[in-house]
Amino acid sequence: MTAHPVDHGDQSGTDNGGVAAGPPAARAALHTAAAERLAAHGDWEPAYRHLREAVRLLHGERSGTREPQDELDRLRREHAEAHEQSRRDALTASYNRRYLDERLAALVAPGGAGGLCLALADIDHFKQVNDTHGHPFGDRVLQRMVVELGRALPEGAFCARYGGEEFALVLPDRDLDDGVRICEAARERISEHDWSAMHPDLRLTISVGIAQAPATVAEVDALVADADLLLYTAKQAGRNAVAYRRAGRVRLAGAAGARRSIPQPPAPGTRPGTAARLSAP
């Protein structure tokens, strides 16, 4: 790795940049290798300079701009693709936790979204799916779940894998009524989906907790904690439900709102006890 030193400084685009003298083709190969090493570490400008020099050596000073521009465009595409892959969950191709955290921080910052709804959705009894059908089958279920959760989301909204079988729906510029309506539609869509195409006995539902933050809120942790608390309240209330808070009380959306017992957890910022969490897988 140290046989061909690479200059990270400004070489004015045309000098050797630390590449030893020799026949033009050999020097071009060294410049190309140096460019690839730099690009792999995200040092794009020095990489461009090495590529430009490699093309000059191969095609001469009077060659047109098409060849070097093609190489630069390729590097830029690879950079964009690598950046996008770093934001995606490897299994489901939904956005990952890293991207979720970055976007939430940006959305609640001054000048961010004009209000924000965050929903956490968990697949009910997913452990039974893995235990009955195996983890490879469970992975395919997660992949399909992402498709169904993301279907019909409004512009600007997105789905991210929060962890395990839990997903986040981020709904910028939405008030609570809009957020509840979107989440209830997603819950119904998943409950009514023909999962038997994957296995004749497969039936799936989700539980959802949705919290809303006005534009002035700058506390991501509090928003996530409230959505998490409401998610487990939905599970304790019988699952297959969307839980939200209005006027200090937890309610369930749609037909689930008629259930006789809807737990009323502590104030936002607190979490249910360990026993409550373990009893609602």
Protein backbone atom coordinates (compact mmCIF):
# COMPACT_ATOMS: atom_id res chain seq x y z
CA MET A 1 0.00 0.00 0.00
CA THR A 2 2.98 2.35 0.41
CA ALA A 3 4.82 1.51 -2.81
CA HIS A 4 3.18 4.39 -4.67
CA PRO A 5 2.98 7.46 -2.43
CA VAL A 6 -0.01 9.71 -2.95
CA ASP A 7 0.11 13.45 -2.57
CA HIS A 8 -3.00 14.80 -0.83
CA GLY A 9 -2.06 18.40 -1.51
CA ASP A 10 -2.72 20.65 -4.45
CA GLN A 11 -0.65 19.52 -7.42
CA SER A 12 -2.18 22.03 -9.83
CA GLY A 13 -3.81 19.15 -11.68
CA THR A 14 -0.83 18.24 -13.93
CA ASP A 15 2.28 17.26 -11.97
CA ASN A 16 3.14 13.80 -10.77
CA GLY A 17 1.52 14.16 -7.35
CA GLY A 18 4.13 11.81 -5.88
CA VAL A 19 3.93 9.28 -8.74
CA ALA A 20 7.37 8.20 -9.96
CA ALA A 21 8.56 9.10 -13.46
CA GLY A 22 8.43 6.50 -16.22
CA PRO A 23 6.65 5.67 -19.48
CA PRO A 24 3.35 7.54 -19.88
CA ALA A 25 1.23 4.36 -19.71
CA ALA A 26 2.89 3.21 -16.48
CA ARG A 27 2.58 6.64 -14.91
CA ALA A 28 -1.09 6.80 -15.97
CA ALA A 29 -1.72 3.46 -14.28
CA LEU A 30 -0.15 4.73 -11.05
CA HIS A 31 -2.25 7.90 -11.20
CA THR A 32 -5.39 5.81 -11.73
CA ALA A 33 -4.54 3.57 -8.77
CA ALA A 34 -3.87 6.63 -6.62
CA ALA A 35 -7.23 8.10 -7.67
CA GLU A 36 -9.06 4.93 -6.69
CA ARG A 37 -7.38 4.82 -3.26
CA LEU A 38 -8.25 8.45 -2.62
CA ALA A 39 -11.84 7.99 -3.80
CA ALA A 40 -12.26 5.00 -1.49
CA HIS A 41 -11.49 7.33 1.44
CA GLY A 42 -13.71 10.13 0.14
CA ASP A 43 -10.84 12.40 -0.95
CA TRP A 44 -12.58 13.36 -4.16
CA GLU A 45 -10.72 16.47 -5.32
CA PRO A 46 -7.23 14.89 -5.18
CA ALA A 47 -8.72 11.82 -6.86
CA TYR A 48 -10.05 13.99 -9.69
CA ARG A 49 -6.63 15.55 -10.18
CA HIS A 50 -4.95 12.14 -10.44
CA LEU A 51 -7.54 10.94 -12.94
CA ARG A 52 -7.15 14.07 -15.02
CA GLU A 53 -3.40 13.54 -15.13
CA ALA A 54 -3.85 9.86 -16.07
CA VAL A 55 -6.08 10.80 -19.00
CA ARG A 56 -3.63 13.50 -20.13
CA LEU A 57 -0.80 10.98 -20.14
CA LEU A 58 -2.82 8.43 -22.12
CA HIS A 59 -4.41 10.78 -24.64
CA GLY A 60 -1.97 13.65 -24.86
CA GLU A 61 -2.25 17.33 -24.07
CA ARG A 62 -4.57 18.02 -27.02
CA SER A 63 -7.14 15.31 -26.28
CA GLY A 64 -10.70 16.49 -25.93
CA THR A 65 -12.53 16.80 -22.64
CA ARG A 66 -14.92 13.91 -23.15
CA GLU A 67 -12.68 11.15 -21.73
CA PRO A 68 -11.62 12.86 -18.50
CA GLN A 69 -15.14 14.15 -17.98
CA ASP A 70 -16.46 10.59 -18.30
CA GLU A 71 -14.05 9.46 -15.60
CA LEU A 72 -14.96 12.34 -13.32
CA ASP A 73 -18.64 11.63 -13.85
CA ARG A 74 -18.05 7.97 -12.98
CA LEU A 75 -16.31 8.95 -9.75
CA ARG A 76 -19.11 11.32 -8.83
CA ARG A 77 -21.73 8.64 -9.51
CA GLU A 78 -19.85 6.14 -7.37
CA HIS A 79 -19.58 8.71 -4.61
CA ALA A 80 -23.32 9.41 -4.77
CA GLU A 81 -24.11 5.68 -4.77
CA ALA A 82 -21.82 5.02 -1.80
CA HIS A 83 -23.38 7.91 0.10
CA GLU A 84 -26.88 6.60 -0.58
CA GLN A 85 -25.93 3.07 0.48
CA SER A 86 -24.57 4.39 3.77
CA ARG A 87 -28.08 5.70 4.53
CA ARG A 88 -29.87 2.44 3.77
CA ASP A 89 -30.59 -0.63 5.89
CA ALA A 90 -28.77 -3.60 4.36
CA LEU A 91 -31.69 -6.02 4.73
CA THR A 92 -34.77 -3.99 3.87
CA ALA A 93 -33.31 -1.13 1.77
CA SER A 94 -35.33 1.31 3.86
CA TYR A 95 -33.51 4.20 5.48
CA ASN A 96 -31.42 3.18 8.47
CA ARG A 97 -31.17 4.47 12.05
CA ARG A 98 -28.25 6.73 11.19
CA TYR A 99 -30.23 8.55 8.51
CA LEU A 100 -33.29 8.68 10.77
CA ASP A 101 -31.33 10.38 13.56
CA GLU A 102 -29.78 12.87 11.13
CA ARG A 103 -33.11 13.79 9.53
CA LEU A 104 -34.96 14.14 12.83
CA ALA A 105 -32.26 16.48 14.12
CA ALA A 106 -32.54 18.58 10.96
CA LEU A 107 -36.35 18.63 11.01
CA VAL A 108 -36.64 19.91 14.59
CA ALA A 109 -33.82 22.45 14.19
CA PRO A 110 -34.69 26.14 13.67
CA GLY A 111 -35.90 26.54 10.12
CA GLY A 112 -36.79 22.84 9.87
CA ALA A 113 -40.25 21.36 9.40
CA GLY A 114 -43.32 23.35 10.37
CA GLY A 115 -44.39 20.68 12.82
CA LEU A 116 -43.49 17.01 12.70
CA CYS A 117 -45.19 13.68 13.36
CA LEU A 118 -43.10 10.65 14.28
CA ALA A 119 -44.65 7.19 14.41
CA LEU A 120 -43.01 4.00 15.63
CA ALA A 121 -44.57 0.82 14.25
CA ASP A 122 -43.84 -2.70 15.49
CA ILE A 123 -44.93 -6.00 13.92
CA ASP A 124 -47.19 -7.85 16.35
CA HIS A 125 -45.95 -11.28 17.48
CA PHE A 126 -43.05 -11.21 15.05
CA LYS A 127 -41.05 -13.60 17.23
CA GLN A 128 -43.62 -16.27 16.43
CA VAL A 129 -42.98 -15.73 12.72
CA ASN A 130 -39.27 -16.39 13.18
CA ASP A 131 -39.87 -19.32 15.53
CA THR A 132 -42.41 -20.95 13.20
CA HIS A 133 -40.94 -20.24 9.76
CA GLY A 134 -37.29 -19.45 10.42
CA HIS A 135 -35.24 -16.28 10.23
CA PRO A 136 -34.74 -16.24 6.43
CA PHE A 137 -38.53 -16.23 6.05
CA GLY A 138 -38.76 -13.53 8.72
CA ASP A 139 -36.28 -11.44 6.74
CA ARG A 140 -38.53 -11.65 3.68
CA VAL A 141 -41.47 -10.56 5.83
CA LEU A 142 -39.51 -7.51 6.96
CA GLN A 143 -38.69 -6.65 3.36
CA ARG A 144 -42.34 -6.88 2.37
CA MET A 145 -43.42 -4.91 5.42
CA VAL A 146 -41.23 -1.99 4.33
CA VAL A 147 -42.99 -1.93 0.96
CA GLU A 148 -46.42 -1.86 2.58
CA LEU A 149 -45.48 0.76 5.18
CA GLY A 150 -43.99 3.02 2.53
CA ARG A 151 -46.91 2.70 0.16
CA ALA A 152 -49.05 5.85 -0.11
CA LEU A 153 -46.89 7.95 2.22
CA PRO A 154 -47.24 11.66 1.40
CA GLU A 155 -44.49 13.62 -0.31
CA GLY A 156 -41.60 14.35 2.04
CA ALA A 157 -42.45 11.47 4.40
CA PHE A 158 -40.27 8.39 4.70
CA CYS A 159 -39.93 5.01 6.39
CA ALA A 160 -36.80 3.96 8.30
CA ARG A 161 -35.89 0.77 10.10
CA TYR A 162 -35.64 1.68 13.76
CA GLY A 163 -34.38 -1.71 14.89
CA GLY A 164 -35.40 -5.37 14.61
CA GLU A 165 -39.04 -5.50 13.52
CA GLU A 166 -39.65 -1.87 14.49
CA PHE A 167 -39.96 0.91 11.92
CA ALA A 168 -40.26 4.69 12.05
CA LEU A 169 -42.57 6.75 9.87
CA VAL A 170 -41.45 10.37 9.66
CA LEU A 171 -44.15 12.80 8.55
CA PRO A 172 -42.85 16.37 8.21
CA ASP A 173 -45.23 19.35 8.10
CA ARG A 174 -48.14 17.30 9.41
CA ASP A 175 -50.44 17.98 12.34
CA LEU A 176 -51.62 15.22 14.65
CA ASP A 177 -54.89 14.61 12.81
CA ASP A 178 -53.01 14.09 9.52
CA GLY A 179 -50.46 11.84 11.18
CA VAL A 180 -53.08 9.65 12.84
CA ARG A 181 -55.01 9.34 9.57
CA ILE A 182 -51.87 8.29 7.64
CA CYS A 183 -50.85 5.75 10.30
CA GLU A 184 -54.35 4.28 10.60
CA ALA A 185 -54.44 3.84 6.82
CA ALA A 186 -51.08 2.02 6.99
CA ARG A 187 -52.31 -0.19 9.85
CA GLU A 188 -55.46 -1.12 7.90
CA ARG A 189 -53.45 -1.75 4.73
CA ILE A 190 -51.16 -4.20 6.53
CA SER A 191 -54.00 -5.91 8.40
CA GLU A 192 -55.93 -6.45 5.14
CA HIS A 193 -52.92 -7.39 3.01
CA ASP A 194 -52.96 -10.92 1.54
CA TRP A 195 -49.96 -12.32 3.41
CA SER A 196 -51.00 -15.83 2.41
CA ALA A 197 -49.02 -15.31 -0.81
CA MET A 198 -45.94 -15.78 1.39
CA HIS A 199 -47.44 -18.62 3.46
CA PRO A 200 -51.04 -19.89 3.69
CA ASP A 201 -51.16 -19.41 7.47
CA LEU A 202 -49.46 -16.01 7.64
CA ARG A 203 -51.44 -13.09 9.07
CA LEU A 204 -49.76 -9.90 10.24
CA THR A 205 -50.74 -6.74 12.06
CA ILE A 206 -48.83 -3.80 13.48
CA SER A 207 -49.08 -1.63 16.55
CA VAL A 208 -48.22 2.06 16.19
CA GLY A 209 -47.50 4.95 18.52
CA ILE A 210 -47.52 8.42 17.01
CA ALA A 211 -46.31 11.65 18.61
CA GLN A 212 -46.46 15.16 17.20
CA ALA A 213 -44.07 18.04 17.79
CA PRO A 214 -44.75 21.68 16.93
CA ALA A 215 -42.21 23.64 14.89
CA THR A 216 -40.68 25.15 18.04
CA VAL A 217 -39.67 21.81 19.59
CA ALA A 218 -35.93 21.06 19.47
CA GLU A 219 -35.87 17.85 21.53
CA VAL A 220 -35.62 14.76 19.36
CA ASP A 221 -35.22 12.42 22.34
CA ALA A 222 -38.49 13.56 23.90
CA LEU A 223 -40.37 13.05 20.64
CA VAL A 224 -38.95 9.54 20.16
CA ALA A 225 -39.63 8.63 23.80
CA ASP A 226 -43.27 9.69 23.54
CA ALA A 227 -43.80 7.74 20.29
CA ASP A 228 -42.17 4.70 21.91
CA LEU A 229 -44.38 5.01 24.99
CA LEU A 230 -47.48 5.22 22.82
CA LEU A 231 -46.38 2.22 20.76
CA TYR A 232 -46.25 0.01 23.84
CA THR A 233 -49.54 1.43 25.03
CA ALA A 234 -51.07 0.29 21.72
CA LYS A 235 -49.69 -3.19 22.38
CA GLN A 236 -51.02 -3.25 25.93
CA ALA A 237 -54.43 -2.19 24.60
CA GLY A 238 -54.68 -5.32 22.45
CA ARG A 239 -52.31 -4.64 19.52
CA ASN A 240 -53.30 -3.91 15.90
CA ALA A 241 -53.94 -0.31 16.87
CA VAL A 242 -52.63 3.25 16.48
CA ALA A 243 -52.17 5.08 19.79
CA TYR A 244 -51.89 8.84 20.10
CA ARG A 245 -52.29 11.47 22.82
CA ARG A 246 -54.86 14.25 22.84
CA ALA A 247 -55.65 16.60 25.72
CA GLY A 248 -53.42 14.56 28.00
CA ARG A 249 -55.18 11.24 27.34
CA VAL A 250 -54.15 8.32 25.16
CA ARG A 251 -56.64 7.34 22.49
CA LEU A 252 -56.75 4.67 19.80
CA ALA A 253 -57.58 5.49 16.19
CA GLY A 254 -60.43 4.00 14.18
CA ALA A 255 -62.42 1.01 15.38
CA ALA A 256 -59.86 0.26 18.10
CA GLY A 257 -61.04 3.42 19.88
CA ALA A 258 -64.11 1.50 21.05
CA ARG A 259 -62.06 -0.98 23.07
CA ARG A 260 -63.13 -1.10 26.69
CA SER A 261 -59.66 -0.77 28.21
CA ILE A 262 -57.11 1.75 26.95
CA PRO A 263 -54.13 2.08 29.34
CA GLN A 264 -53.20 5.59 30.40
CA PRO A 265 -49.42 5.66 30.82
CA PRO A 266 -47.46 8.26 32.80
CA ALA A 267 -46.69 11.70 31.44
CA PRO A 268 -44.52 12.07 28.30
CA GLY A 269 -40.85 11.45 28.87
CA THR A 270 -41.42 8.45 31.15
CA ARG A 271 -41.50 4.88 29.94
CA PRO A 272 -43.53 1.82 30.87
CA GLY A 273 -41.94 -0.56 33.31
CA THR A 274 -39.84 -3.51 32.30
CA ALA A 275 -42.68 -5.92 33.02
CA ALA A 276 -45.02 -4.01 30.72
CA ARG A 277 -42.46 -4.11 27.91
CA LEU A 278 -41.82 -7.84 28.32
CA SER A 279 -45.53 -8.62 28.30
CA ALA A 280 -46.03 -6.87 24.95
CA PRO A 281 -43.70 -8.54 22.44
